[in-house]
N, C-alpha and C. Protein backbone atom coordinates (compact mmCIF):
# COMPACT_ATOMS: atom_id res chain seq x y z
N MET A 1 149.03 56.94 65.37
CA MET A 1 148.33 57.19 66.59
C MET A 1 148.51 55.76 67.22
N THR A 2 148.29 56.48 68.73
CA THR A 2 149.06 55.61 69.73
C THR A 2 148.38 54.79 70.05
N LYS A 3 148.97 53.36 71.01
CA LYS A 3 147.81 52.56 71.29
C LYS A 3 147.13 53.74 72.74
N LEU A 4 147.36 54.55 73.27
CA LEU A 4 147.17 55.23 73.77
C LEU A 4 145.94 56.60 74.03
N ASP A 5 146.18 56.41 72.42
CA ASP A 5 145.20 57.04 71.84
C ASP A 5 143.73 56.62 71.49
N ALA A 6 143.85 55.24 71.43
CA ALA A 6 142.83 54.67 71.10
C ALA A 6 142.03 54.35 72.14
N ASN A 7 142.82 54.38 73.57
CA ASN A 7 142.17 54.42 74.63
C ASN A 7 142.13 55.15 75.33
N ASN A 8 140.23 55.87 75.45
CA ASN A 8 140.45 56.84 75.58
C ASN A 8 140.02 57.04 77.33
N ARG A 9 140.19 56.06 78.05
CA ARG A 9 140.91 56.32 79.31
C ARG A 9 141.09 57.28 79.54
N TRP A 10 142.54 57.13 78.79
CA TRP A 10 143.75 57.28 79.50
C TRP A 10 143.51 59.17 79.21
N GLY A 11 143.24 59.16 77.84
CA GLY A 11 142.85 60.88 77.42
C GLY A 11 142.47 61.99 78.39
N PRO A 12 141.33 62.02 78.68
CA PRO A 12 140.84 63.19 79.68
C PRO A 12 141.51 63.09 80.86
N LYS A 13 142.28 62.41 81.11
CA LYS A 13 142.28 62.35 82.73
C LYS A 13 144.06 62.84 82.94
N PHE A 14 144.97 62.71 81.54
CA PHE A 14 146.22 62.88 81.96
C PHE A 14 146.54 64.19 80.96
N LEU A 15 145.83 64.31 80.37
CA LEU A 15 146.46 66.52 79.35
C LEU A 15 145.84 66.80 79.84
N LEU A 16 146.05 68.17 79.73
CA LEU A 16 145.65 69.32 80.42
C LEU A 16 145.86 70.52 78.92
N ASP A 17 144.15 70.71 78.69
CA ASP A 17 143.68 71.84 77.60
C ASP A 17 144.60 72.14 76.70
N ALA A 18 145.69 72.39 77.52
CA ALA A 18 146.85 73.78 76.64
C ALA A 18 147.94 72.71 75.77
N HIS A 19 147.98 71.27 76.42
CA HIS A 19 148.44 69.96 76.33
C HIS A 19 148.32 69.30 74.51
N GLN A 20 146.66 69.34 75.25
CA GLN A 20 145.88 68.74 74.28
C GLN A 20 146.31 69.71 72.68
N VAL A 21 145.55 70.74 73.19
CA VAL A 21 146.41 71.47 71.68
C VAL A 21 147.20 71.25 71.13
N LYS A 22 148.59 71.09 71.65
CA LYS A 22 149.69 71.33 71.36
C LYS A 22 150.01 70.12 70.53
N TYR A 23 149.49 68.84 71.21
CA TYR A 23 149.51 67.32 70.62
C TYR A 23 148.65 67.28 69.45
N GLU A 24 147.58 68.55 69.52
CA GLU A 24 146.85 67.51 68.22
C GLU A 24 147.71 68.17 67.13
N GLN A 25 148.41 69.29 67.39
CA GLN A 25 148.92 70.52 65.96
C GLN A 25 149.31 69.75 65.76
N ARG A 26 150.76 69.05 66.76
CA ARG A 26 151.55 68.46 66.10
C ARG A 26 151.48 66.75 65.22
N ASP A 27 150.66 66.42 65.57
CA ASP A 27 149.71 65.86 64.88
C ASP A 27 149.42 66.05 63.47
N LYS A 28 148.47 66.89 63.13
CA LYS A 28 148.43 67.78 61.86
C LYS A 28 149.02 68.14 61.33
N GLU A 29 150.38 68.38 61.72
CA GLU A 29 151.87 68.66 60.94
C GLU A 29 151.83 67.65 60.53
N LYS A 30 152.34 66.40 60.87
CA LYS A 30 153.24 65.53 60.51
C LYS A 30 152.26 65.42 59.59
N GLN A 31 150.64 65.16 59.53
CA GLN A 31 149.78 64.46 58.16
C GLN A 31 149.77 65.50 57.06
N ILE A 32 149.93 67.10 57.39
CA ILE A 32 150.04 68.29 56.34
C ILE A 32 151.46 67.35 55.79
N ALA A 33 152.17 67.84 56.40
CA ALA A 33 154.02 67.54 55.82
C ALA A 33 153.41 65.78 54.45
N GLY A 34 154.32 66.47 53.34
CA GLY A 34 153.75 65.14 52.57
C GLY A 34 155.32 64.44 52.54
N ALA A 35 156.02 63.95 51.49
CA ALA A 35 157.39 62.99 51.35
C ALA A 35 157.98 64.05 51.65
N THR A 36 158.89 64.16 52.12
CA THR A 36 160.77 64.48 52.14
C THR A 36 161.21 64.65 50.86
N SER A 37 162.58 65.88 50.31
CA SER A 37 163.14 65.53 49.16
C SER A 37 164.12 63.84 49.21
N GLU A 38 164.32 63.45 50.35
CA GLU A 38 164.68 61.77 50.37
C GLU A 38 164.14 61.24 49.86
N GLU A 39 162.89 61.23 50.36
CA GLU A 39 162.17 59.94 49.43
C GLU A 39 161.29 60.24 48.69
N MET A 40 160.58 61.25 48.20
CA MET A 40 160.96 61.78 46.32
C MET A 40 161.94 60.93 45.54
N GLN A 41 163.02 61.36 46.29
CA GLN A 41 164.08 60.98 45.32
C GLN A 41 164.42 59.12 45.29
N LEU A 42 163.53 58.27 47.09
CA LEU A 42 163.55 56.85 46.34
C LEU A 42 161.86 56.29 46.15
N ILE A 43 161.22 56.74 45.74
CA ILE A 43 160.08 56.94 44.82
C ILE A 43 160.56 57.23 43.41
N ARG A 44 161.32 58.25 42.98
CA ARG A 44 161.35 58.67 41.77
C ARG A 44 162.52 57.80 41.28
N GLU A 45 163.43 56.67 41.98
CA GLU A 45 164.59 55.88 41.29
C GLU A 45 163.70 54.09 41.30
N SER A 46 162.42 53.88 42.14
CA SER A 46 162.00 52.98 42.07
C SER A 46 161.22 52.78 40.83
N ILE A 47 161.04 54.33 40.09
CA ILE A 47 160.42 54.00 39.19
C ILE A 47 161.31 53.64 37.72
N LEU A 48 161.91 54.74 38.08
CA LEU A 48 162.82 54.82 37.12
C LEU A 48 163.92 53.28 36.98
N LEU A 49 164.46 52.66 38.05
CA LEU A 49 165.11 51.54 37.44
C LEU A 49 165.01 50.38 37.37
N PRO A 50 163.69 50.15 37.30
CA PRO A 50 162.88 48.92 36.59
C PRO A 50 162.80 49.53 35.54
N GLU A 51 162.69 50.44 35.00
CA GLU A 51 162.98 50.61 33.33
C GLU A 51 163.80 50.62 32.81
N LEU A 52 165.21 50.84 33.24
CA LEU A 52 166.77 50.92 33.43
C LEU A 52 167.03 49.07 33.16
N GLN A 53 166.50 48.35 33.93
CA GLN A 53 166.06 46.93 34.11
C GLN A 53 165.46 46.35 32.70
N LYS A 54 164.82 46.86 32.11
CA LYS A 54 163.60 46.55 31.05
C LYS A 54 164.92 47.03 29.77
N MET A 55 165.43 47.73 30.14
CA MET A 55 166.24 48.18 28.84
C MET A 55 167.81 47.91 28.56
N LEU A 56 168.29 47.34 29.67
CA LEU A 56 169.05 46.56 29.50
C LEU A 56 169.68 45.00 29.38
N GLN A 57 168.00 44.45 29.50
CA GLN A 57 167.88 43.26 29.49
C GLN A 57 167.10 42.80 27.76
N GLN A 58 166.49 43.79 27.78
CA GLN A 58 166.29 43.46 25.90
C GLN A 58 167.54 43.81 25.08
N SER A 59 168.68 44.49 25.34
CA SER A 59 170.25 45.11 24.91
C SER A 59 170.11 43.68 24.79
N ILE A 60 170.20 43.52 25.96
CA ILE A 60 171.32 42.35 26.13
C ILE A 60 170.82 40.81 25.14
N GLU A 61 169.54 40.71 25.02
CA GLU A 61 169.16 39.64 24.31
C GLU A 61 169.39 39.99 22.70
N GLU A 62 169.36 41.98 22.52
CA GLU A 62 169.77 41.83 21.27
C GLU A 62 171.33 41.47 20.13
N VAL A 63 171.51 42.20 21.45
CA VAL A 63 173.18 42.05 21.03
C VAL A 63 173.74 40.20 21.23
N GLY A 64 173.03 39.92 21.87
CA GLY A 64 173.37 38.08 22.30
C GLY A 64 172.47 37.31 20.95
N ASN A 65 171.38 38.18 20.32
CA ASN A 65 171.07 37.29 19.12
C ASN A 65 171.87 37.43 17.88
N SER A 66 172.80 38.80 18.09
CA SER A 66 173.08 40.00 16.62
C SER A 66 174.29 38.79 15.74
N ASN A 67 174.99 39.70 15.42
CA ASN A 67 176.33 39.09 14.57
C ASN A 67 177.76 39.89 14.90
N ILE A 68 177.48 40.79 15.48
CA ILE A 68 178.55 41.77 15.52
C ILE A 68 179.53 40.61 16.10
N THR A 69 180.74 41.72 15.99
CA THR A 69 181.57 40.55 16.11
C THR A 69 181.70 40.73 17.46
N LEU A 70 182.27 41.72 18.22
CA LEU A 70 182.13 41.50 19.98
C LEU A 70 181.13 41.30 20.83
N HIS A 71 180.11 40.77 20.12
CA HIS A 71 178.49 40.39 20.93
C HIS A 71 178.85 39.82 22.56
N LYS A 72 179.90 38.52 22.40
CA LYS A 72 179.67 37.88 23.84
C LYS A 72 180.40 39.25 24.49
N THR A 73 181.21 39.92 24.28
CA THR A 73 181.91 40.84 25.60
C THR A 73 181.12 41.86 25.96
N MET A 74 180.51 42.27 24.46
CA MET A 74 178.77 43.60 24.65
C MET A 74 177.94 42.80 25.84
N ALA A 75 177.49 41.42 25.59
CA ALA A 75 176.72 40.73 26.24
C ALA A 75 177.09 40.74 27.83
N VAL A 76 178.60 40.45 28.16
CA VAL A 76 178.79 40.33 29.39
C VAL A 76 179.11 41.27 30.50
N LEU A 77 179.56 42.61 29.52
CA LEU A 77 179.31 43.76 29.76
C LEU A 77 177.81 44.02 30.39
N MET A 78 177.01 44.12 29.63
CA MET A 78 175.77 44.53 29.54
C MET A 78 174.91 43.81 30.81
N GLN A 79 175.38 42.60 30.82
CA GLN A 79 175.18 42.00 32.16
C GLN A 79 175.71 42.46 33.95
N LEU A 80 176.77 42.56 33.06
CA LEU A 80 177.06 43.53 34.93
C LEU A 80 176.58 44.59 34.72
N LEU A 81 176.30 45.56 34.36
CA LEU A 81 175.27 46.65 34.12
C LEU A 81 173.94 46.29 35.15
N LEU A 82 173.43 45.20 34.26
CA LEU A 82 171.98 45.02 34.75
C LEU A 82 172.30 44.39 36.31
N ASP A 83 173.50 43.67 37.11
CA ASP A 83 173.67 43.33 37.87
C ASP A 83 173.77 44.51 38.75
N SER A 84 174.70 45.40 38.32
CA SER A 84 175.16 46.82 39.48
C SER A 84 173.81 47.50 39.44
N VAL A 85 172.92 47.79 38.22
CA VAL A 85 171.01 48.53 38.74
C VAL A 85 170.74 47.28 39.40
N SER A 86 169.94 46.40 39.33
CA SER A 86 170.01 45.20 39.94
C SER A 86 169.98 45.69 42.15
N ARG A 87 171.46 45.74 41.88
CA ARG A 87 172.05 45.68 43.79
C ARG A 87 171.26 47.04 43.94
N THR A 88 171.23 48.13 42.94
CA THR A 88 170.90 49.05 42.90
C THR A 88 169.51 50.03 43.59
N LYS A 89 168.64 48.58 42.96
CA LYS A 89 167.54 48.92 42.79
C LYS A 89 166.95 47.51 44.15
N TYR A 90 167.95 46.91 44.43
CA TYR A 90 167.35 46.14 46.23
C TYR A 90 167.59 47.01 46.73
N GLY A 91 168.79 47.89 46.66
CA GLY A 91 168.72 48.71 47.95
C GLY A 91 168.27 50.10 48.18
N VAL A 92 167.17 50.29 46.99
CA VAL A 92 166.05 51.22 47.07
C VAL A 92 164.97 50.40 47.53
N ASN A 93 164.61 49.18 47.15
CA ASN A 93 163.46 48.52 47.39
C ASN A 93 163.50 48.50 48.92
N ARG A 94 164.37 47.85 49.94
CA ARG A 94 164.87 47.78 51.11
C ARG A 94 164.72 48.90 52.38
N GLU A 95 165.14 50.11 51.57
CA GLU A 95 165.05 51.37 52.32
C GLU A 95 163.49 52.23 51.57
N MET A 96 162.78 51.31 50.87
CA MET A 96 161.45 52.15 50.61
C MET A 96 160.61 51.41 51.63
N LYS A 97 160.84 50.17 51.93
CA LYS A 97 160.29 49.08 52.73
C LYS A 97 160.97 49.37 53.86
N ARG A 98 161.26 50.40 53.97
CA ARG A 98 162.25 50.31 55.96
C ARG A 98 161.68 52.10 56.13
N LYS A 99 161.29 53.02 55.31
CA LYS A 99 160.70 53.77 55.37
C LYS A 99 158.51 53.97 55.20
N ASN A 100 158.22 52.93 55.11
CA ASN A 100 157.40 52.64 54.58
C ASN A 100 156.39 53.59 53.42
N ILE A 101 156.92 53.27 52.56
CA ILE A 101 157.07 53.77 51.24
C ILE A 101 156.49 52.83 50.40
N LYS A 102 155.49 52.99 49.57
CA LYS A 102 155.20 51.95 48.38
C LYS A 102 154.43 53.03 46.97
N VAL A 103 154.82 52.80 46.08
CA VAL A 103 154.82 52.77 45.00
C VAL A 103 153.47 52.30 44.36
N THR A 104 152.07 52.72 44.56
CA THR A 104 150.88 51.40 44.22
C THR A 104 150.92 51.39 42.71
N LYS A 105 150.79 52.49 41.93
CA LYS A 105 150.01 52.47 40.55
C LYS A 105 151.15 53.33 39.41
N GLN A 106 150.70 53.34 38.82
CA GLN A 106 151.83 53.53 37.50
C GLN A 106 150.56 54.16 36.71
N GLU A 107 150.54 55.22 35.97
CA GLU A 107 150.05 55.13 34.18
C GLU A 107 150.41 56.16 33.34
N LEU A 108 150.27 55.63 32.13
CA LEU A 108 151.15 57.09 31.02
C LEU A 108 150.24 57.80 30.27
N ILE A 109 150.04 59.21 30.58
CA ILE A 109 148.87 60.34 30.44
C ILE A 109 149.91 61.23 29.47
N ASP A 110 149.55 61.12 28.34
CA ASP A 110 150.24 62.32 27.56
C ASP A 110 151.87 62.45 27.98
N ASN A 111 152.70 61.31 27.54
CA ASN A 111 153.57 61.17 27.44
C ASN A 111 154.14 61.34 28.97
N ILE A 112 153.36 61.98 29.58
CA ILE A 112 153.62 61.79 31.18
C ILE A 112 153.78 60.45 32.08
N THR A 113 154.91 60.33 32.95
CA THR A 113 154.22 59.00 33.67
C THR A 113 153.66 59.45 35.19
N THR A 114 152.87 59.25 35.42
CA THR A 114 152.58 59.71 36.79
C THR A 114 152.12 57.99 38.24
N SER A 115 152.75 58.66 38.88
CA SER A 115 152.61 57.16 39.67
C SER A 115 151.88 57.54 41.09
N GLN A 116 151.28 56.49 41.35
CA GLN A 116 150.74 57.14 43.03
C GLN A 116 151.22 56.61 44.04
N TYR A 117 151.92 57.01 45.01
CA TYR A 117 152.93 56.20 45.83
C TYR A 117 151.40 56.56 47.26
N LEU A 118 152.18 56.23 48.24
CA LEU A 118 151.73 55.70 49.82
C LEU A 118 152.96 55.79 50.65
N CYS A 119 153.39 57.26 51.66
CA CYS A 119 153.95 57.24 52.02
C CYS A 119 153.75 57.75 53.78
N ARG A 120 154.49 57.25 54.58
CA ARG A 120 153.67 57.31 56.14
C ARG A 120 152.01 57.61 55.89
N GLY A 121 151.41 56.82 55.53
CA GLY A 121 150.27 56.84 55.62
C GLY A 121 149.38 57.73 54.69
N LEU A 122 150.11 58.70 54.18
CA LEU A 122 149.53 59.77 52.83
C LEU A 122 150.14 59.13 51.56
N THR A 123 148.72 59.46 50.66
CA THR A 123 148.80 58.81 49.49
C THR A 123 149.06 60.42 48.55
N GLY A 124 149.84 60.11 47.64
CA GLY A 124 150.51 61.52 47.00
C GLY A 124 150.92 60.71 45.09
N SER A 125 150.64 61.68 44.63
CA SER A 125 151.34 61.12 43.26
C SER A 125 152.64 61.55 43.12
N PHE A 126 153.04 61.56 41.82
CA PHE A 126 154.53 61.13 41.42
C PHE A 126 154.43 61.46 39.46
N GLY A 127 154.95 62.67 39.13
CA GLY A 127 154.62 62.18 37.51
C GLY A 127 156.38 63.05 37.06
N MET A 128 156.44 62.43 35.86
CA MET A 128 157.75 62.79 34.95
C MET A 128 157.28 62.64 33.87
N THR A 129 157.76 63.35 32.62
CA THR A 129 157.60 63.66 31.34
C THR A 129 158.86 62.84 31.01
N ARG A 130 158.45 61.88 29.59
CA ARG A 130 159.39 61.11 28.94
C ARG A 130 160.96 61.73 28.66
N GLU A 131 160.75 62.91 28.52
CA GLU A 131 162.25 63.55 28.17
C GLU A 131 163.15 63.14 29.53
N VAL A 132 161.91 64.32 30.66
CA VAL A 132 162.92 63.65 32.20
C VAL A 132 163.02 62.38 32.28
N MET A 133 162.83 61.66 31.89
CA MET A 133 162.81 59.88 32.57
C MET A 133 164.33 59.23 31.84
N ARG A 134 163.85 60.09 29.98
CA ARG A 134 165.15 59.63 29.27
C ARG A 134 166.80 60.20 29.96
N GLU A 135 166.11 61.33 30.26
CA GLU A 135 167.35 62.01 31.34
C GLU A 135 167.85 61.50 32.60
N GLN A 136 166.72 60.99 33.30
CA GLN A 136 167.54 60.66 34.51
C GLN A 136 167.95 58.84 34.02
N ILE A 137 167.25 58.38 33.56
CA ILE A 137 168.04 56.95 33.31
C ILE A 137 169.36 57.12 32.54
N GLY A 138 169.22 58.10 31.93
CA GLY A 138 170.95 57.96 31.01
C GLY A 138 171.95 58.20 32.25
N LEU A 139 171.79 59.22 33.20
CA LEU A 139 171.82 59.76 34.27
C LEU A 139 173.20 58.14 35.55
N HIS A 140 171.78 57.38 35.14
CA HIS A 140 171.92 56.34 36.21
C HIS A 140 172.66 54.94 35.75
N LEU A 141 172.33 54.78 34.08
CA LEU A 141 173.35 54.37 33.51
C LEU A 141 174.68 54.67 33.85
N LYS A 142 175.19 55.59 33.80
CA LYS A 142 176.23 56.18 34.06
C LYS A 142 176.90 56.21 34.73
N ARG A 143 175.97 55.88 36.16
CA ARG A 143 176.72 55.68 37.46
C ARG A 143 176.98 54.50 37.36
N ALA A 144 175.87 53.46 36.98
CA ALA A 144 176.10 51.92 37.23
C ALA A 144 177.59 51.47 35.76
N ILE A 145 177.69 52.42 34.89
CA ILE A 145 179.32 52.20 34.15
C ILE A 145 180.45 52.27 34.74
N ASN A 146 180.36 53.78 35.83
CA ASN A 146 180.94 53.77 36.43
C ASN A 146 181.68 52.84 37.22
N ASP A 147 180.42 52.26 37.87
CA ASP A 147 180.77 51.26 39.01
C ASP A 147 181.29 50.02 38.40
N VAL A 148 181.07 49.33 36.97
CA VAL A 148 181.65 48.72 36.57
C VAL A 148 182.49 48.69 36.26
N LEU A 149 183.23 49.56 35.56
CA LEU A 149 184.54 50.14 34.84
C LEU A 149 185.42 50.41 36.06
N ARG A 150 185.19 50.56 37.40
CA ARG A 150 186.05 51.23 38.15
C ARG A 150 186.68 50.06 38.79
N PRO A 151 188.19 50.64 38.63
CA PRO A 151 188.83 48.76 38.88
C PRO A 151 189.02 49.24 40.53
N PRO A 152 189.01 48.48 40.97
CA PRO A 152 188.84 47.19 43.06
C PRO A 152 189.47 48.02 43.17
N ASN A 153 189.55 48.20 44.23
CA ASN A 153 190.70 48.81 45.40
C ASN A 153 191.71 47.80 46.03
N MET A 154 192.73 48.07 45.05
CA MET A 154 194.15 47.45 45.24
C MET A 154 194.93 47.14 46.74
N GLU A 155 194.66 46.59 47.70
CA GLU A 155 195.32 46.80 49.19
C GLU A 155 196.93 45.55 48.80
N THR A 156 197.88 46.83 49.33
CA THR A 156 198.69 46.11 48.88
C THR A 156 199.08 45.25 50.54
N LYS A 157 199.31 44.07 51.07
CA LYS A 157 199.83 43.07 51.51
C LYS A 157 201.36 43.28 51.79
N SER A 158 201.86 42.66 52.87
CA SER A 158 202.58 42.74 53.28
C SER A 158 203.75 41.40 52.72
N PRO A 159 204.85 40.84 52.21
CA PRO A 159 204.94 39.39 51.73
C PRO A 159 204.97 38.29 52.97
N GLY A 160 205.33 38.68 54.06
CA GLY A 160 205.48 38.12 55.16
C GLY A 160 203.87 37.17 56.34
N ARG A 161 203.02 38.00 55.52
CA ARG A 161 201.30 37.57 55.42
C ARG A 161 200.58 36.65 55.51
């Protein structure tokens, strides 16, 4: 709704009936359309990334307290993974804020995590089974490992500079 919509004196004076019908249909189409696939992807990642962060944090604590031979090295690697996931989560949250998307409530019913979201003024729900969450978290972890282990781009500089 624009400022002119709220101001009733502009409506009947400047809109023809045919234009008014088209204008109302356009608004109805926007309201009927739910979240796009890109927005649903953001919602899914906003649900999965905090779970992955919890898992990595617990693993860091377990490895740090263990007597495994390379426990310090494993803890450092897991901390790097946690940092990578945190950066990704920050980017997702920033994008959700830019697109005016909020995940309001999550609940677990019969091994299905159901989340309520608010997207462009419309509410909806999004559900994932435990198996799907486990698979998607595994994919996110794989991407984070690839990001951490990928060697940085080596730029060659000429010796005179």
